[in-house]
């Protein structure tokens, strides 16, 4: 059992997302909250697995000895939405199974070995592996998913636009480039594309290796939109313009989407990713590769 002080610190560590006061309250309440959950669910709780921006996640064992995780968050509403998304995607076999849920908490399958695909020196998944994951994830019905990719992109314009407006970023990504990315994105949204219930935030950090299921997607932001949107981060994972374009064309062929459409979506994403990289790390080789790719295919 994790000690109370570590739990309190983990909860308070969510201050960037929830503010110091709210996170401190959450941390102070967390030991008692966890005692109630362990009794309610008949589980044994182990060490921290992750303490990200919005939740504290701990390893656990079910009464059967099966490994699981407990995720607890101050944002009960957001966690409930995520549980609903996981349950919607459950028939695909490509998300962790939800075992039980309570207000602000969820008990779910622990993905093992659970390593992020392509990180920490791992060889990235092949186009065939990623295409298999995509086909499964996109197999569920769009109804009753209510969120729309259009709204997600409108939020992106505002959020990323604020970063692009910073003088040092604007020097690398001029207004004309950002405005062109918005224009192309809106045109793609109006064109519709191949609509499905999409993951909405599918990058290699949100795909875990599983001995049982291959790749498993976590932290969905489920919405209805163009299937290409779930492919753009894989296209941009590495390489120069020609390598990224070749990856896009191979993935398009494997998933049956329009390659030109995927290239256009990937070019929009390349601008967004470059702006974020420059914001966090300054201009580097990768941001310049992304901007070079966008310059070729942002049309």
Protein backbone atom coordinates (compact mmCIF):
# COMPACT_ATOMS: atom_id res chain seq x y z
CA UNK A 1 0.00 0.00 0.00
CA UNK A 2 1.32 3.43 -0.94
CA UNK A 3 1.89 5.68 2.08
CA UNK A 4 -0.38 8.64 2.78
CA UNK A 5 2.31 11.30 2.37
CA UNK A 6 3.14 10.13 -1.15
CA UNK A 7 -0.54 10.19 -2.06
CA UNK A 8 -0.95 13.70 -0.66
CA UNK A 9 2.04 14.93 -2.67
CA UNK A 10 0.81 13.24 -5.85
CA UNK A 11 -2.59 14.88 -5.55
CA UNK A 12 -1.10 18.30 -4.80
CA UNK A 13 1.10 17.85 -7.86
CA UNK A 14 -1.92 18.44 -10.11
CA UNK A 15 -1.73 22.18 -9.35
CA UNK A 16 -0.86 23.20 -12.91
CA UNK A 17 -4.25 21.95 -14.07
CA UNK A 18 -6.48 22.65 -11.09
CA UNK A 19 -4.73 25.41 -9.14
CA UNK A 20 -2.74 25.12 -5.92
CA UNK A 21 -5.68 25.32 -3.52
CA UNK A 22 -7.90 22.77 -5.29
CA UNK A 23 -5.01 20.35 -5.88
CA UNK A 24 -3.92 20.59 -2.24
CA UNK A 25 -7.46 19.79 -1.07
CA UNK A 26 -7.62 16.87 -3.47
CA UNK A 27 -4.27 15.55 -2.21
CA UNK A 28 -5.27 15.89 1.43
CA UNK A 29 -8.45 13.89 0.80
CA UNK A 30 -6.81 11.26 -1.38
CA UNK A 31 -5.68 8.76 1.32
CA UNK A 32 -9.20 8.51 2.78
CA UNK A 33 -10.74 8.42 -0.69
CA UNK A 34 -8.47 5.55 -1.69
CA UNK A 35 -9.30 3.58 1.47
CA UNK A 36 -12.99 3.79 0.58
CA UNK A 37 -12.32 2.68 -3.01
CA UNK A 38 -10.14 -0.28 -2.01
CA UNK A 39 -12.86 -1.49 0.34
CA UNK A 40 -15.64 -0.88 -2.20
CA UNK A 41 -13.85 -2.65 -5.03
CA UNK A 42 -12.06 -5.34 -3.01
CA UNK A 43 -8.67 -4.46 -4.43
CA UNK A 44 -5.12 -4.02 -3.21
CA UNK A 45 -3.48 -0.76 -4.26
CA UNK A 46 0.20 -0.55 -5.17
CA UNK A 47 2.61 2.24 -6.12
CA UNK A 48 2.05 5.21 -8.38
CA UNK A 49 1.96 4.37 -12.07
CA UNK A 50 1.62 7.95 -13.23
CA UNK A 51 0.73 11.35 -11.85
CA UNK A 52 -0.03 13.36 -14.94
CA UNK A 53 -1.74 16.68 -15.45
CA UNK A 54 -5.28 15.68 -14.53
CA UNK A 55 -5.28 12.48 -12.46
CA UNK A 56 -3.34 10.26 -10.09
CA UNK A 57 -2.96 6.69 -11.36
CA UNK A 58 -1.94 3.77 -9.15
CA UNK A 59 -1.28 0.13 -9.78
CA UNK A 60 -3.71 -2.32 -8.21
CA UNK A 61 -4.53 -6.00 -7.93
CA UNK A 62 -8.06 -7.36 -8.22
CA UNK A 63 -9.25 -10.02 -5.80
CA UNK A 64 -8.42 -12.54 -8.54
CA UNK A 65 -4.80 -11.33 -8.59
CA UNK A 66 -5.25 -9.73 -12.00
CA UNK A 67 -3.32 -6.45 -12.42
CA UNK A 68 -5.36 -3.27 -12.75
CA UNK A 69 -5.02 0.48 -12.31
CA UNK A 70 -7.00 3.00 -10.29
CA UNK A 71 -7.33 6.48 -11.74
CA UNK A 72 -8.55 9.27 -9.45
CA UNK A 73 -9.14 12.87 -10.54
CA UNK A 74 -10.50 16.11 -9.08
CA UNK A 75 -12.42 16.54 -12.34
CA UNK A 76 -15.13 13.92 -11.88
CA UNK A 77 -17.09 15.09 -14.92
CA UNK A 78 -14.12 14.78 -17.30
CA UNK A 79 -13.24 11.35 -15.92
CA UNK A 80 -16.84 10.18 -16.36
CA UNK A 81 -16.71 11.29 -20.01
CA UNK A 82 -13.49 9.34 -20.48
CA UNK A 83 -15.06 6.25 -18.95
CA UNK A 84 -17.98 6.59 -21.37
CA UNK A 85 -15.53 6.88 -24.29
CA UNK A 86 -13.61 3.79 -23.21
CA UNK A 87 -16.85 1.84 -22.92
CA UNK A 88 -17.92 3.01 -26.39
CA UNK A 89 -14.60 1.80 -27.81
CA UNK A 90 -14.54 -1.43 -25.76
CA UNK A 91 -15.86 -3.66 -28.60
CA UNK A 92 -12.72 -2.84 -30.62
CA UNK A 93 -10.48 -4.60 -28.08
CA UNK A 94 -8.06 -1.70 -28.45
CA UNK A 95 -8.65 0.22 -25.21
CA UNK A 96 -8.25 -0.78 -21.55
CA UNK A 97 -11.32 -2.52 -20.15
CA UNK A 98 -13.28 -0.61 -17.51
CA UNK A 99 -13.98 -2.82 -14.47
CA UNK A 100 -15.80 -0.34 -12.24
CA UNK A 101 -16.26 3.38 -11.71
CA UNK A 102 -17.23 5.80 -8.97
CA UNK A 103 -17.47 9.58 -8.78
CA UNK A 104 -14.03 10.88 -9.74
CA UNK A 105 -12.48 7.40 -9.95
CA UNK A 106 -12.23 4.43 -12.28
CA UNK A 107 -10.85 0.91 -11.95
CA UNK A 108 -9.60 -0.50 -15.23
CA UNK A 109 -7.38 -3.03 -16.92
CA UNK A 110 -3.64 -2.56 -16.61
CA UNK A 111 -2.00 -2.75 -20.02
CA UNK A 112 1.24 -4.76 -19.84
CA UNK A 113 4.03 -4.14 -20.55
CA UNK A 114 2.34 -0.78 -21.14
CA UNK A 115 5.27 0.98 -22.82
CA UNK A 116 4.51 3.98 -25.01
CA UNK A 117 4.90 2.94 -28.65
CA UNK A 118 8.13 4.16 -30.22
CA UNK A 119 9.48 5.93 -27.12
CA UNK A 120 12.60 5.36 -25.03
CA UNK A 121 14.52 3.86 -27.91
CA UNK A 122 11.78 1.46 -28.98
CA UNK A 123 11.33 0.86 -32.69
CA UNK A 124 8.15 2.72 -33.76
CA UNK A 125 5.21 0.57 -34.89
CA UNK A 126 5.09 -0.28 -38.56
CA UNK A 127 2.50 1.25 -40.87
CA UNK A 128 0.76 -2.14 -40.87
CA UNK A 129 0.52 -2.21 -37.05
CA UNK A 130 -0.76 1.37 -36.91
CA UNK A 131 -3.27 0.72 -39.70
CA UNK A 132 -4.60 -2.32 -37.81
CA UNK A 133 -5.06 -0.16 -34.70
CA UNK A 134 -6.83 2.53 -36.72
CA UNK A 135 -9.17 0.12 -38.46
CA UNK A 136 -10.24 -1.36 -35.13
CA UNK A 137 -10.66 2.00 -33.38
CA UNK A 138 -12.72 3.38 -36.28
CA UNK A 139 -15.08 0.39 -36.36
CA UNK A 140 -17.57 1.67 -33.77
CA UNK A 141 -20.71 3.58 -34.73
CA UNK A 142 -20.51 7.42 -34.73
CA UNK A 143 -23.79 7.57 -32.80
CA UNK A 144 -24.24 8.42 -29.96
CA UNK A 145 -20.94 10.36 -29.93
CA UNK A 146 -21.91 14.04 -29.79
CA UNK A 147 -18.56 15.86 -29.94
CA UNK A 148 -17.44 16.99 -33.38
CA UNK A 149 -13.97 17.45 -34.84
CA UNK A 150 -15.01 20.91 -36.06
CA UNK A 151 -15.32 22.08 -32.46
CA UNK A 152 -11.98 20.53 -31.49
CA UNK A 153 -10.28 22.35 -34.36
CA UNK A 154 -11.93 25.66 -33.43
CA UNK A 155 -10.44 25.25 -29.95
CA UNK A 156 -7.08 24.39 -31.53
CA UNK A 157 -7.12 27.59 -33.62
CA UNK A 158 -7.53 29.63 -30.44
CA UNK A 159 -5.05 27.72 -28.30
CA UNK A 160 -2.27 27.31 -30.87
CA UNK A 161 -2.94 30.76 -32.31
CA UNK A 162 -2.04 32.27 -28.93
CA UNK A 163 1.32 30.49 -29.07
CA UNK A 164 1.97 31.55 -32.67
CA UNK A 165 1.33 35.18 -31.74
CA UNK A 166 4.34 35.23 -29.40
CA UNK A 167 7.11 37.20 -31.07
CA UNK A 168 9.76 34.51 -30.98
CA UNK A 169 7.40 31.89 -32.43
CA UNK A 170 5.98 34.23 -35.06
CA UNK A 171 9.51 34.83 -36.34
CA UNK A 172 9.71 31.10 -37.20
CA UNK A 173 6.07 30.56 -38.17
CA UNK A 174 4.83 33.78 -39.82
CA UNK A 175 1.21 34.84 -39.84
CA UNK A 176 0.81 33.80 -43.48
CA UNK A 177 1.79 30.19 -42.67
CA UNK A 178 -0.54 29.98 -39.69
CA UNK A 179 -3.43 31.57 -41.60
CA UNK A 180 -2.88 29.14 -44.46
CA UNK A 181 -2.97 26.20 -42.02
CA UNK A 182 -6.31 27.43 -40.64
CA UNK A 183 -7.68 27.91 -44.18
CA UNK A 184 -6.69 24.39 -45.26
CA UNK A 185 -8.05 22.88 -42.03
CA UNK A 186 -11.42 24.58 -42.51
CA UNK A 187 -11.57 23.38 -46.11
CA UNK A 188 -10.86 19.82 -45.02
CA UNK A 189 -13.57 20.03 -42.35
CA UNK A 190 -16.08 21.34 -44.88
CA UNK A 191 -15.13 18.56 -47.29
CA UNK A 192 -16.13 15.95 -44.74
CA UNK A 193 -13.84 13.07 -45.70
CA UNK A 194 -14.39 9.56 -44.40
CA UNK A 195 -16.33 10.21 -41.16
CA UNK A 196 -16.04 7.95 -38.13
CA UNK A 197 -15.92 7.99 -34.36
CA UNK A 198 -12.23 8.84 -34.01
CA UNK A 199 -9.88 8.71 -31.01
CA UNK A 200 -9.17 12.42 -31.37
CA UNK A 201 -5.69 12.47 -29.78
CA UNK A 202 -3.91 9.46 -31.23
CA UNK A 203 -0.16 9.92 -30.97
CA UNK A 204 2.52 7.40 -30.06
CA UNK A 205 2.43 8.48 -26.41
CA UNK A 206 -1.24 7.44 -26.27
CA UNK A 207 -0.60 3.96 -27.71
CA UNK A 208 0.69 1.36 -25.27
CA UNK A 209 2.22 -2.00 -26.04
CA UNK A 210 0.13 -4.94 -24.87
CA UNK A 211 1.11 -8.59 -24.77
CA UNK A 212 -2.54 -9.54 -25.30
CA UNK A 213 -3.91 -6.93 -27.69
CA UNK A 214 -0.97 -5.53 -29.68
CA UNK A 215 -1.29 -1.75 -29.48
CA UNK A 216 -3.83 -0.31 -27.03
CA UNK A 217 -5.01 3.30 -27.19
CA UNK A 218 -5.49 5.32 -24.02
CA UNK A 219 -6.87 8.75 -23.09
CA UNK A 220 -9.35 9.08 -25.97
CA UNK A 221 -10.94 12.42 -26.82
CA UNK A 222 -13.65 10.74 -28.82
CA UNK A 223 -15.39 12.78 -31.50
CA UNK A 224 -16.92 12.34 -34.94
CA UNK A 225 -14.70 13.46 -37.79
CA UNK A 226 -12.38 12.64 -40.65
CA UNK A 227 -10.46 9.38 -40.09
CA UNK A 228 -7.33 11.11 -41.40
CA UNK A 229 -7.16 13.19 -38.23
CA UNK A 230 -6.15 10.11 -36.21
CA UNK A 231 -3.24 9.46 -38.60
CA UNK A 232 -1.40 12.78 -38.69
CA UNK A 233 0.82 12.32 -35.63
CA UNK A 234 2.03 8.96 -36.92
CA UNK A 235 2.89 10.57 -40.26
CA UNK A 236 4.93 13.27 -38.51
CA UNK A 237 6.69 11.01 -36.00
CA UNK A 238 10.11 11.36 -37.67
CA UNK A 239 11.98 12.00 -40.90
CA UNK A 240 12.31 14.64 -43.56
CA UNK A 241 9.69 15.80 -46.04
CA UNK A 242 10.08 12.83 -48.38
CA UNK A 243 10.06 10.28 -45.57
CA UNK A 244 6.94 11.75 -43.96
CA UNK A 245 5.17 11.93 -47.32
CA UNK A 246 6.07 8.32 -48.09
CA UNK A 247 4.76 7.25 -44.68
CA UNK A 248 1.50 9.11 -45.32
CA UNK A 249 1.02 7.44 -48.70
CA UNK A 250 1.70 3.96 -47.31
CA UNK A 251 -0.67 4.51 -44.40
CA UNK A 252 -3.34 5.89 -46.74
CA UNK A 253 -3.07 2.80 -48.89
CA UNK A 254 -3.41 0.50 -45.89
CA UNK A 255 -6.42 2.32 -44.43
CA UNK A 256 -8.23 3.26 -47.64
CA UNK A 257 -8.18 7.04 -47.15
CA UNK A 258 -7.37 9.60 -49.85
CA UNK A 259 -3.56 10.09 -49.77
CA UNK A 260 -3.78 13.74 -50.83
CA UNK A 261 -6.27 14.39 -48.07
CA UNK A 262 -4.03 12.72 -45.50
CA UNK A 263 -1.07 14.77 -46.72
CA UNK A 264 -3.07 17.98 -46.36
CA UNK A 265 -4.21 17.09 -42.83
CA UNK A 266 -0.64 16.11 -41.95
CA UNK A 267 0.64 19.46 -43.24
CA UNK A 268 -1.82 21.30 -40.98
CA UNK A 269 -0.68 19.18 -38.05
CA UNK A 270 2.97 19.83 -38.94
CA UNK A 271 2.42 23.58 -38.50
CA UNK A 272 0.61 23.04 -35.18
CA UNK A 273 3.35 20.72 -33.91
CA UNK A 274 6.12 23.06 -35.04
CA UNK A 275 4.49 25.97 -33.19
CA UNK A 276 4.27 23.89 -30.02
CA UNK A 277 7.87 22.65 -30.29
CA UNK A 278 9.18 26.17 -30.83
CA UNK A 279 7.12 27.39 -27.87
CA UNK A 280 8.55 24.73 -25.55
CA UNK A 281 12.06 24.13 -26.88
CA UNK A 282 12.87 26.91 -29.32
CA UNK A 283 13.59 26.35 -32.98
CA UNK A 284 15.25 22.98 -33.59
CA UNK A 285 15.88 20.59 -36.45
CA UNK A 286 12.58 18.79 -35.97
CA UNK A 287 10.50 21.96 -36.07
CA UNK A 288 12.27 23.01 -39.25
CA UNK A 289 11.62 19.59 -40.83
CA UNK A 290 7.94 19.95 -39.97
CA UNK A 291 7.76 23.43 -41.47
CA UNK A 292 9.51 22.24 -44.62
CA UNK A 293 6.94 19.43 -44.95
CA UNK A 294 4.07 21.87 -44.44
CA UNK A 295 5.53 24.18 -47.06
CA UNK A 296 5.31 21.36 -49.60
CA UNK A 297 1.86 19.98 -48.78
CA UNK A 298 -0.13 22.84 -47.21
CA UNK A 299 -2.34 23.36 -50.22
